[in-house]
Protein backbone atom coordinates (compact mmCIF):
# COMPACT_ATOMS: atom_id res chain seq x y z
CA MET A 1 2.72 13.65 -48.87
CA THR A 2 5.66 11.80 -47.79
CA GLN A 3 6.23 14.83 -44.96
CA THR A 4 2.74 14.24 -44.10
CA THR A 5 2.54 11.00 -43.18
CA GLU A 6 5.90 10.64 -41.04
CA ALA A 7 4.36 13.58 -38.89
CA ALA A 8 1.31 11.48 -38.60
CA GLN A 9 3.08 8.30 -37.16
CA VAL A 10 4.71 10.58 -34.77
CA PRO A 11 3.55 8.88 -31.36
CA GLU A 12 1.20 11.34 -29.69
CA ASP A 13 3.25 11.67 -25.93
CA ALA A 14 6.15 12.70 -27.88
CA ARG A 15 4.75 15.99 -29.70
CA PRO A 16 5.41 19.22 -27.88
CA VAL A 17 2.97 20.54 -25.64
CA ARG A 18 1.78 24.00 -26.08
CA PRO A 19 1.97 26.24 -23.16
CA ALA A 20 -1.10 28.18 -21.97
CA PRO A 21 -1.73 31.22 -23.62
CA SER A 22 -0.71 34.17 -21.71
CA HIS A 23 -3.88 35.77 -21.16
CA ARG A 24 -5.66 32.69 -19.15
CA ILE A 25 -4.55 32.14 -15.98
CA HIS A 26 -2.58 29.17 -15.21
CA ARG A 27 -4.06 25.78 -14.42
CA ALA A 28 -1.32 25.62 -11.27
CA TRP A 29 -3.01 28.56 -9.63
CA PHE A 30 -6.84 27.03 -9.65
CA VAL A 31 -4.36 23.74 -8.00
CA ALA A 32 -3.02 26.25 -5.55
CA ALA A 33 -6.51 27.27 -4.75
CA VAL A 34 -7.75 23.94 -4.41
CA THR A 35 -4.93 22.98 -2.04
CA PHE A 36 -5.97 26.18 -0.06
CA VAL A 37 -9.86 25.14 0.43
CA THR A 38 -8.62 21.43 1.50
CA ILE A 39 -6.49 22.59 4.34
CA ILE A 40 -8.90 24.97 5.44
CA GLY A 41 -11.21 22.54 5.63
CA ALA A 42 -8.95 20.21 7.15
CA ALA A 43 -8.12 22.76 9.82
CA ALA A 44 -10.87 22.00 11.78
CA PHE A 45 -8.52 19.13 14.03
CA ARG A 46 -5.96 21.86 14.54
CA SER A 47 -8.17 23.94 16.03
CA LEU A 48 -9.70 21.81 18.85
CA PRO A 49 -6.85 19.85 21.39
CA GLY A 50 -6.62 23.44 23.27
CA LEU A 51 -10.44 23.88 23.70
CA LEU A 52 -10.66 20.19 25.22
CA ILE A 53 -8.17 20.18 27.66
CA ASP A 54 -10.50 21.85 30.23
CA PRO A 55 -13.59 19.69 29.15
CA LEU A 56 -11.96 16.30 29.52
CA HIS A 57 -10.49 17.57 32.56
CA GLU A 58 -14.05 18.24 33.88
CA GLU A 59 -15.79 15.56 33.03
CA PHE A 60 -13.26 12.41 33.20
CA HIS A 61 -11.17 13.82 35.89
CA TRP A 62 -8.07 13.71 33.83
CA SER A 63 -4.97 14.71 34.42
CA ARG A 64 -4.00 17.83 32.22
CA GLY A 65 -0.63 15.73 31.81
CA THR A 66 -2.93 13.20 30.29
CA ILE A 67 -4.64 14.92 28.19
CA GLY A 68 -1.48 16.56 27.08
CA ALA A 69 0.17 12.99 26.04
CA ALA A 70 -2.61 12.75 23.67
CA VAL A 71 -2.25 15.73 22.10
CA SER A 72 1.57 14.67 22.69
CA LEU A 73 0.62 11.77 20.56
CA ASN A 74 -1.31 13.75 17.78
CA LEU A 75 1.53 16.64 17.15
CA ALA A 76 4.30 13.47 16.96
CA LEU A 77 2.93 11.52 14.32
CA TYR A 78 1.63 14.73 12.25
CA GLY A 79 5.27 15.31 12.04
CA LEU A 80 6.57 11.78 11.48
CA THR A 81 3.76 10.75 9.29
CA ALA A 82 4.61 13.84 6.69
CA PRO A 83 8.22 12.09 5.06
CA PHE A 84 5.93 8.93 4.38
CA ALA A 85 3.28 10.94 3.07
CA ALA A 86 5.07 12.88 0.49
CA ALA A 87 7.03 9.79 -0.50
CA LEU A 88 3.39 8.09 -1.18
CA MET A 89 1.75 11.10 -3.45
CA ASP A 90 5.07 9.97 -5.06
CA ARG A 91 3.93 6.61 -5.41
CA PHE A 92 0.11 6.96 -5.60
CA GLY A 93 -0.56 10.40 -6.60
CA ILE A 94 -1.34 13.71 -4.22
CA ARG A 95 -5.30 13.44 -4.63
CA ARG A 96 -5.71 9.43 -3.09
CA VAL A 97 -3.42 9.77 -0.30
CA VAL A 98 -4.99 12.97 1.02
CA ALA A 99 -8.46 11.56 0.36
CA VAL A 100 -8.02 8.88 2.24
CA ALA A 101 -5.96 10.93 5.28
CA LEU A 102 -8.89 13.06 5.29
CA THR A 103 -11.20 10.27 5.89
CA VAL A 104 -9.06 8.71 8.57
CA ILE A 105 -9.22 12.09 10.32
CA ALA A 106 -13.22 11.97 10.14
CA VAL A 107 -13.17 8.59 11.85
CA GLY A 108 -10.91 9.64 14.28
CA SER A 109 -12.58 12.46 15.46
CA GLY A 110 -16.12 10.78 15.27
CA VAL A 111 -15.16 8.12 17.18
CA THR A 112 -14.33 10.52 20.12
CA VAL A 113 -17.67 10.95 21.21
CA TRP A 114 -18.02 7.08 22.27
CA MET A 115 -15.05 7.19 24.13
CA THR A 116 -15.26 6.46 28.30
CA ALA A 117 -10.88 6.00 29.45
CA ALA A 118 -7.82 7.58 28.59
CA TRP A 119 -6.82 5.06 26.67
CA GLN A 120 -9.26 5.37 23.75
CA LEU A 121 -8.37 9.46 23.77
CA MET A 122 -4.91 8.01 23.00
CA LEU A 123 -5.98 5.58 20.19
CA CYS A 124 -8.52 7.97 18.61
CA TRP A 125 -7.40 11.35 18.46
CA GLY A 126 -3.70 10.75 19.02
CA LEU A 127 -3.23 7.77 16.43
CA LEU A 128 -5.68 8.00 14.12
CA VAL A 129 -6.15 11.74 13.73
CA GLY A 130 -2.65 11.76 14.52
CA LEU A 131 -1.75 9.67 11.12
CA GLY A 132 -4.56 11.67 9.10
CA SER A 133 -3.47 14.83 9.98
CA GLY A 134 0.27 13.99 9.26
CA SER A 135 -0.70 13.29 5.77
CA MET A 136 -2.09 16.77 5.38
CA ALA A 137 0.79 18.02 6.86
CA LEU A 138 2.96 20.96 5.05
CA ALA A 139 4.60 18.34 3.25
CA PHE A 140 1.26 18.28 1.24
CA ALA A 141 2.20 22.02 0.64
CA ALA A 142 5.48 21.53 0.10
CA THR A 143 4.67 19.04 -3.15
CA VAL A 144 2.12 20.81 -4.81
CA THR A 145 4.30 23.45 -4.60
CA ASN A 146 7.53 21.78 -6.33
CA ARG A 147 5.54 20.04 -9.16
CA TRP A 148 3.36 22.85 -10.33
CA PHE A 149 5.59 25.79 -10.04
CA THR A 150 9.40 26.84 -10.89
CA GLU A 151 8.42 30.65 -10.38
CA ARG A 152 6.97 32.21 -7.02
CA LYS A 153 7.95 28.91 -5.37
CA GLY A 154 8.10 31.40 -1.95
CA LEU A 155 4.71 33.30 -2.37
CA VAL A 156 2.96 30.08 -2.44
CA THR A 157 4.31 28.14 0.28
CA GLY A 158 3.38 31.33 2.39
CA ILE A 159 0.15 31.27 0.59
CA LEU A 160 -0.65 27.52 1.49
CA THR A 161 0.91 27.50 5.06
CA ALA A 162 -1.39 30.57 5.82
CA ALA A 163 -4.25 28.36 4.82
CA SER A 164 -3.91 26.45 8.05
CA ALA A 165 -4.46 29.66 9.98
CA SER A 166 -6.97 30.88 8.45
CA GLY A 167 -9.16 27.27 8.94
CA GLN A 168 -7.93 28.27 12.35
CA LEU A 169 -9.41 31.58 11.90
CA ILE A 170 -12.47 29.92 10.88
CA PHE A 171 -13.45 27.05 13.12
CA LEU A 172 -11.95 28.37 16.34
CA PRO A 173 -14.62 30.64 17.15
CA LEU A 174 -17.29 28.04 16.42
CA LEU A 175 -15.90 25.17 18.29
CA ALA A 176 -15.29 27.49 21.10
CA TRP A 177 -19.15 28.85 20.81
CA ILE A 178 -20.17 25.30 20.40
CA ILE A 179 -18.53 23.87 23.50
CA THR A 180 -19.67 26.91 25.61
CA GLU A 181 -23.16 26.51 24.58
CA GLN A 182 -23.56 23.27 24.20
CA ARG A 183 -22.07 22.96 27.08
CA ASP A 184 -20.43 19.79 25.86
CA TRP A 185 -17.29 19.13 23.70
CA ARG A 186 -19.14 15.85 21.87
CA PRO A 187 -20.67 18.27 18.99
CA ALA A 188 -17.34 20.41 18.44
CA ALA A 189 -16.02 16.78 17.41
CA VAL A 190 -18.75 15.75 14.86
CA THR A 191 -17.85 19.17 13.49
CA VAL A 192 -14.37 18.13 13.12
CA SER A 193 -15.50 14.99 11.52
CA LEU A 194 -17.77 16.52 9.27
CA ALA A 195 -15.60 19.19 7.83
CA ALA A 196 -12.99 16.53 6.89
CA LEU A 197 -15.65 14.51 4.93
CA ALA A 198 -17.05 17.43 3.12
CA VAL A 199 -13.42 18.00 1.55
CA VAL A 200 -13.04 14.84 0.30
CA PRO A 201 -15.08 14.86 -3.11
CA PHE A 202 -13.54 18.52 -3.43
CA VAL A 203 -10.14 16.85 -3.47
CA TRP A 204 -11.16 13.85 -5.70
CA LEU A 205 -12.75 15.74 -7.99
CA LEU A 206 -10.28 18.70 -8.71
CA LEU A 207 -6.87 18.03 -7.11
CA HIS A 208 -4.95 17.36 -10.20
CA ASP A 209 -1.79 15.23 -9.57
CA HIS A 210 0.73 17.08 -12.17
CA PRO A 211 1.11 19.70 -14.66
CA ALA A 212 1.12 17.17 -17.65
CA ASP A 213 -2.25 15.85 -16.54
CA VAL A 214 -3.73 18.76 -17.93
CA GLY A 215 -1.11 18.88 -20.60
CA GLN A 216 0.60 22.00 -19.67
CA ALA A 217 3.87 22.57 -18.18
CA PRO A 218 4.59 24.14 -14.14
CA TYR A 219 4.23 27.83 -14.20
CA GLY A 220 7.19 29.30 -14.87
CA ALA A 221 8.66 26.57 -16.92
CA ALA A 222 10.09 26.93 -20.01
CA GLU A 223 9.46 23.64 -21.45
CA PHE A 224 7.14 20.86 -21.27
CA VAL A 225 7.78 18.30 -17.76
CA PRO A 226 6.53 15.02 -18.50
CA LYS A 227 5.14 13.14 -15.78
CA PRO A 228 7.83 10.82 -13.62
CA GLU A 229 6.94 7.20 -13.31
CA PRO A 230 5.61 6.07 -9.95
CA VAL A 231 7.64 6.09 -7.38
CA ARG A 232 8.10 2.43 -6.05
CA GLY A 233 8.74 1.68 -2.37
CA ALA A 234 8.09 5.04 -0.65
CA ALA A 235 8.78 3.75 3.11
CA ARG A 236 12.46 2.64 1.77
CA ARG A 237 12.82 5.90 -0.36
CA ALA A 238 11.89 8.48 3.23
CA VAL A 239 14.35 6.42 4.85
CA THR A 240 16.87 6.58 2.14
CA VAL A 241 16.45 10.32 2.04
CA LEU A 242 16.81 10.66 5.82
CA PHE A 243 19.84 8.72 5.96
CA SER A 244 21.73 10.57 3.33
CA ALA A 245 20.52 13.90 4.91
CA MET A 246 21.70 12.80 8.50
CA ARG A 247 25.15 12.96 6.84
CA THR A 248 25.15 16.85 6.43
CA GLY A 249 25.26 19.64 8.78
CA PRO A 250 22.42 21.75 7.53
CA PHE A 251 19.94 18.89 8.17
CA TRP A 252 20.54 19.02 12.02
CA LEU A 253 20.38 22.84 12.18
CA LEU A 254 17.13 23.02 9.93
CA ALA A 255 15.41 20.55 12.03
CA GLY A 256 16.73 21.85 15.56
CA THR A 257 15.27 24.79 14.42
CA PHE A 258 11.57 23.75 13.63
CA ALA A 259 11.35 21.99 16.47
CA ILE A 260 12.03 24.82 18.17
CA CYS A 261 9.44 26.63 15.71
CA GLY A 262 6.87 23.62 16.98
CA ALA A 263 7.36 24.10 20.74
CA SER A 264 6.74 27.57 20.67
CA THR A 265 3.84 27.43 18.52
CA ASN A 266 1.72 24.01 18.34
CA GLY A 267 3.29 22.77 21.70
CA LEU A 268 2.71 25.48 23.51
CA VAL A 269 0.40 28.21 22.26
CA GLN A 270 -2.04 26.56 20.57
CA THR A 271 -2.80 23.81 22.93
CA HIS A 272 -2.18 25.61 26.26
CA PHE A 273 -2.80 29.77 25.45
CA VAL A 274 -6.72 28.71 25.94
CA PRO A 275 -6.35 26.98 28.96
CA ALA A 276 -3.73 29.47 30.59
CA ALA A 277 -5.89 32.67 29.78
CA HIS A 278 -8.77 30.53 31.77
CA ASP A 279 -5.94 30.15 34.81
CA HIS A 280 -6.25 34.24 34.94
CA GLY A 281 -9.69 34.51 34.62
CA MET A 282 -10.37 34.86 30.76
CA PRO A 283 -13.87 33.50 29.54
CA VAL A 284 -12.75 30.48 27.12
CA PRO A 285 -14.94 32.15 23.86
CA ALA A 286 -12.41 35.02 24.09
CA ALA A 287 -9.11 33.44 24.82
CA ALA A 288 -9.85 31.24 21.56
CA SER A 289 -11.07 34.23 19.78
CA LEU A 290 -7.64 35.71 20.49
CA LEU A 291 -6.08 32.86 19.01
CA ALA A 292 -8.28 32.99 16.27
CA VAL A 293 -7.11 36.97 15.76
CA ILE A 294 -3.67 34.97 15.72
CA GLY A 295 -4.42 33.36 12.70
CA VAL A 296 -5.62 36.32 10.68
CA PHE A 297 -2.39 38.18 11.33
CA ASP A 298 -0.42 34.54 10.66
CA VAL A 299 -1.77 34.40 7.31
CA ILE A 300 -0.59 38.00 6.18
CA GLY A 301 3.00 37.26 8.01
CA THR A 302 3.57 33.90 6.40
CA VAL A 303 2.17 35.28 3.03
CA ALA A 304 4.50 38.54 3.04
CA SER A 305 7.56 35.60 4.43
CA GLY A 306 7.08 34.10 1.11
CA TRP A 307 7.42 37.42 -0.55
CA PHE A 308 10.18 38.16 1.45
CA THR A 309 11.86 34.64 0.85
CA ASP A 310 11.93 35.53 -3.01
CA ARG A 311 13.98 38.17 -2.35
CA PHE A 312 15.97 37.83 1.05
CA GLU A 313 18.29 35.74 2.45
CA PRO A 314 16.51 32.91 4.10
CA ARG A 315 18.66 32.48 6.88
CA ARG A 316 19.16 35.82 8.04
CA LEU A 317 14.86 35.99 8.10
CA LEU A 318 14.95 33.02 10.33
CA ALA A 319 16.94 34.47 12.37
CA VAL A 320 14.81 37.76 13.05
CA TYR A 321 11.56 36.11 13.03
CA TYR A 322 12.74 33.38 16.08
CA ALA A 323 14.31 36.30 17.73
CA LEU A 324 11.27 38.35 17.93
CA ARG A 325 8.86 35.39 18.74
CA GLY A 326 11.54 34.90 21.73
CA ILE A 327 11.10 38.61 22.89
CA SER A 328 7.45 38.24 22.74
CA LEU A 329 6.89 34.43 24.59
CA LEU A 330 9.21 36.50 27.36
CA PHE A 331 6.45 39.39 27.71
CA LEU A 332 3.32 36.85 27.80
CA PRO A 333 3.06 36.00 31.27
CA MET A 334 2.50 40.15 32.20
CA LEU A 335 -0.21 40.38 29.85
CA LEU A 336 -2.78 37.71 30.80
CA ALA A 337 -5.71 38.81 32.45
CA PRO A 338 -9.46 38.16 33.45
CA SER A 339 -10.08 40.47 29.88
CA VAL A 340 -8.78 41.57 26.93
CA HIS A 341 -6.20 44.94 26.91
CA PRO A 342 -4.43 46.87 24.35
CA PRO A 343 -0.88 45.09 25.52
CA MET A 344 -2.35 41.53 24.65
CA VAL A 345 -3.52 42.89 22.14
CA PHE A 346 -0.67 44.12 20.43
CA PHE A 347 1.37 40.66 21.74
CA ILE A 348 -1.28 38.98 19.09
CA VAL A 349 -1.06 40.71 15.86
CA PHE A 350 3.22 40.58 16.88
CA TYR A 351 3.14 36.73 17.55
CA GLY A 352 0.50 36.44 15.02
CA LEU A 353 2.71 37.84 11.91
CA ASP A 354 5.47 35.26 13.55
CA TRP A 355 3.34 32.57 13.93
CA VAL A 356 4.79 30.07 10.86
CA ALA A 357 6.74 32.70 8.63
CA THR A 358 8.99 30.55 9.37
CA VAL A 359 8.12 28.03 7.27
CA PRO A 360 8.85 29.62 3.70
CA PRO A 361 12.41 30.05 4.32
CA THR A 362 13.00 26.99 6.05
CA LEU A 363 11.76 25.32 2.94
CA ALA A 364 13.52 27.27 0.78
CA LEU A 365 17.02 26.26 2.35
CA CYS A 366 15.63 22.58 2.04
CA ARG A 367 15.02 23.38 -1.92
CA GLU A 368 18.32 25.21 -1.78
CA GLN A 369 20.15 21.99 -0.15
CA TYR A 370 18.57 18.88 -1.20
CA GLY A 371 17.44 19.62 -4.50
CA GLU A 372 14.50 16.95 -5.82
CA ASP A 373 14.71 14.98 -2.63
CA SER A 374 13.68 18.42 -0.62
CA ALA A 375 9.95 17.61 -0.15
CA ILE A 376 10.89 14.51 1.68
CA VAL A 377 13.72 16.20 3.25
CA PHE A 378 11.42 18.71 4.65
CA GLY A 379 8.95 16.13 5.85
CA TRP A 380 11.35 15.11 8.07
CA VAL A 381 12.39 18.58 9.78
CA LEU A 382 8.46 19.05 9.46
CA ALA A 383 8.75 15.67 11.90
CA SER A 384 11.23 17.36 14.09
CA HIS A 385 8.96 20.36 14.26
CA GLN A 386 5.91 18.57 15.53
CA VAL A 387 8.54 16.04 17.76
CA GLY A 388 8.87 19.60 19.62
CA ALA A 389 5.85 20.86 19.82
CA ALA A 390 5.05 17.09 21.29
CA LEU A 391 7.30 17.46 24.08
CA VAL A 392 6.32 20.75 24.92
CA ALA A 393 2.38 19.65 24.52
CA PHE A 394 3.10 16.71 27.24
CA LEU A 395 5.75 19.29 29.40
CA GLY A 396 3.66 21.97 29.47
CA GLY A 397 0.83 20.33 30.77
CA VAL A 398 2.84 18.13 33.72
CA ALA A 399 4.32 21.94 34.55
CA ARG A 400 0.39 23.60 34.96
CA ASP A 401 0.00 20.52 37.53
CA HIS A 402 3.05 20.86 39.25
CA PHE A 403 3.07 24.77 39.33
CA HIS A 404 -0.09 25.80 39.06
CA SER A 405 0.96 28.08 36.46
CA TYR A 406 2.32 28.03 32.71
CA ASP A 407 5.05 31.04 33.35
CA VAL A 408 7.79 28.77 33.82
CA VAL A 409 6.91 26.98 30.15
CA TRP A 410 6.80 30.77 28.71
CA TYR A 411 10.50 31.56 29.65
CA ALA A 412 11.84 28.85 28.25
CA SER A 413 10.10 28.73 25.28
CA GLY A 414 11.53 32.24 24.66
CA ALA A 415 15.06 31.37 25.40
CA LEU A 416 14.74 28.56 23.32
CA CYS A 417 13.52 30.98 20.47
CA ALA A 418 16.91 32.98 21.16
CA ALA A 419 19.10 29.77 20.93
CA ALA A 420 16.76 29.13 17.07
CA ALA A 421 17.97 32.27 15.61
CA LEU A 422 21.73 31.57 16.56
CA MET A 423 21.49 28.25 14.98
CA ALA A 424 19.64 30.05 11.55
CA LEU A 425 22.77 31.95 10.94
CA VAL A 426 25.42 29.14 10.78
CA ILE A 427 23.44 27.16 8.15
CA ARG A 428 26.40 27.09 5.54
CA ARG A 429 25.41 27.85 2.20
CA ARG A 430 25.59 24.93 -0.14
CA ARG A 431 27.79 26.12 -3.20
CA PRO A 432 27.05 24.87 -6.66
CA ALA A 433 28.52 22.64 -8.91
CA VAL A 434 31.48 23.51 -10.48
CA PRO A 435 31.46 22.30 -14.12
CA ALA A 436 34.54 19.88 -15.10
CA ALA A 437 36.60 21.94 -17.79
CA PRO A 438 36.96 20.32 -21.25
CA ALA A 439 39.69 18.35 -22.30
CA VAL A 440 41.96 20.64 -24.03
CA SER A 441 43.65 18.21 -27.17
CA PRO A 442 47.35 18.91 -27.72
CA ALA A 443 48.63 21.33 -30.61
CA PRO A 444 49.83 19.77 -33.70
CA ALA A 445 53.31 19.95 -34.09
């Protein structure tokens, strides 16, 4: 009777939580699925910038450099917001931060239908959508992966990274068709706004912040992990982690390689491929469909990259990815033509497999180097990715205005990718801490 009474007095939160039965699917996979669908729904805003350049140029007579500046601000804020968003998720929870971010995206995109001046484009699409999308950046996927998984992290990272490409596959042809058929870009902007709003209730009802919320251990963990207390001072923590990471060499190499990654993907191809192909006589829907096909093979390549990252040295993987991407970009100016031909299809497949295959090994290196702070460090590394993308989005438009061609931008990006391959190879390995030897008592005389 005494033993029964003592057991009844044990606090509820002190009792061990049993892991889910082995025959059931772990809740972490459901959370990953919700995250995947959320990123797909939010991917509409990633698909629109390249489709807006020509319509806005024709309607408002804004230069491509001016439009590129708004896209550049959007891309820069997408990256610079990410580390603060990761810290805010530690403070307020994933669900709240993501729901607010989607609402901001919806407002920013929807208000653009009434704009009449370039500064309004900078405010709505550059500032609002940039801030909202930054909170939906890859730091979101990194936070979910770190909290819910101790095994299969590379694979899950690849799958969640591929979600953005899957959304691009869905929305790019749709938005291009809307712009072409309606002869107006506004319905496409409204579509982006509605897509973001549609995901908000899905996030609020189904996305759990931590495994402890449902009484489970993270996937692959041997023991239950209690939910940590909210971390206050989100902005201070993000900046503190940045200054700490900046004192290490691997941070600068990771940031540099990822800046080149952003320059050669979001900044260059995602923003300027459609107008560059249109310069060579290719119809906009055909060019947008090719960009969407990149998204198909990006899904395959990124998931495969996550699988490889769990098994192979991530530094070597990065070097191979950047080298192959640089080679493909050097050939692109010779492949652009009024119609789609087999060499162009080969480029789309080859480049698509490599689009964001760099994310799983980069995130793995952040985890290796920075441990518990890896999600915030990765947020800052992602910021460099978007700064690189922002520079090329702007400079690409300026180059097109000045040279009447994008060729010089393709060649420069190919050379930068070669430099990134070399940088990846020199990232040093972090040596595990050697435990101190126990003190030896002197032998008795």
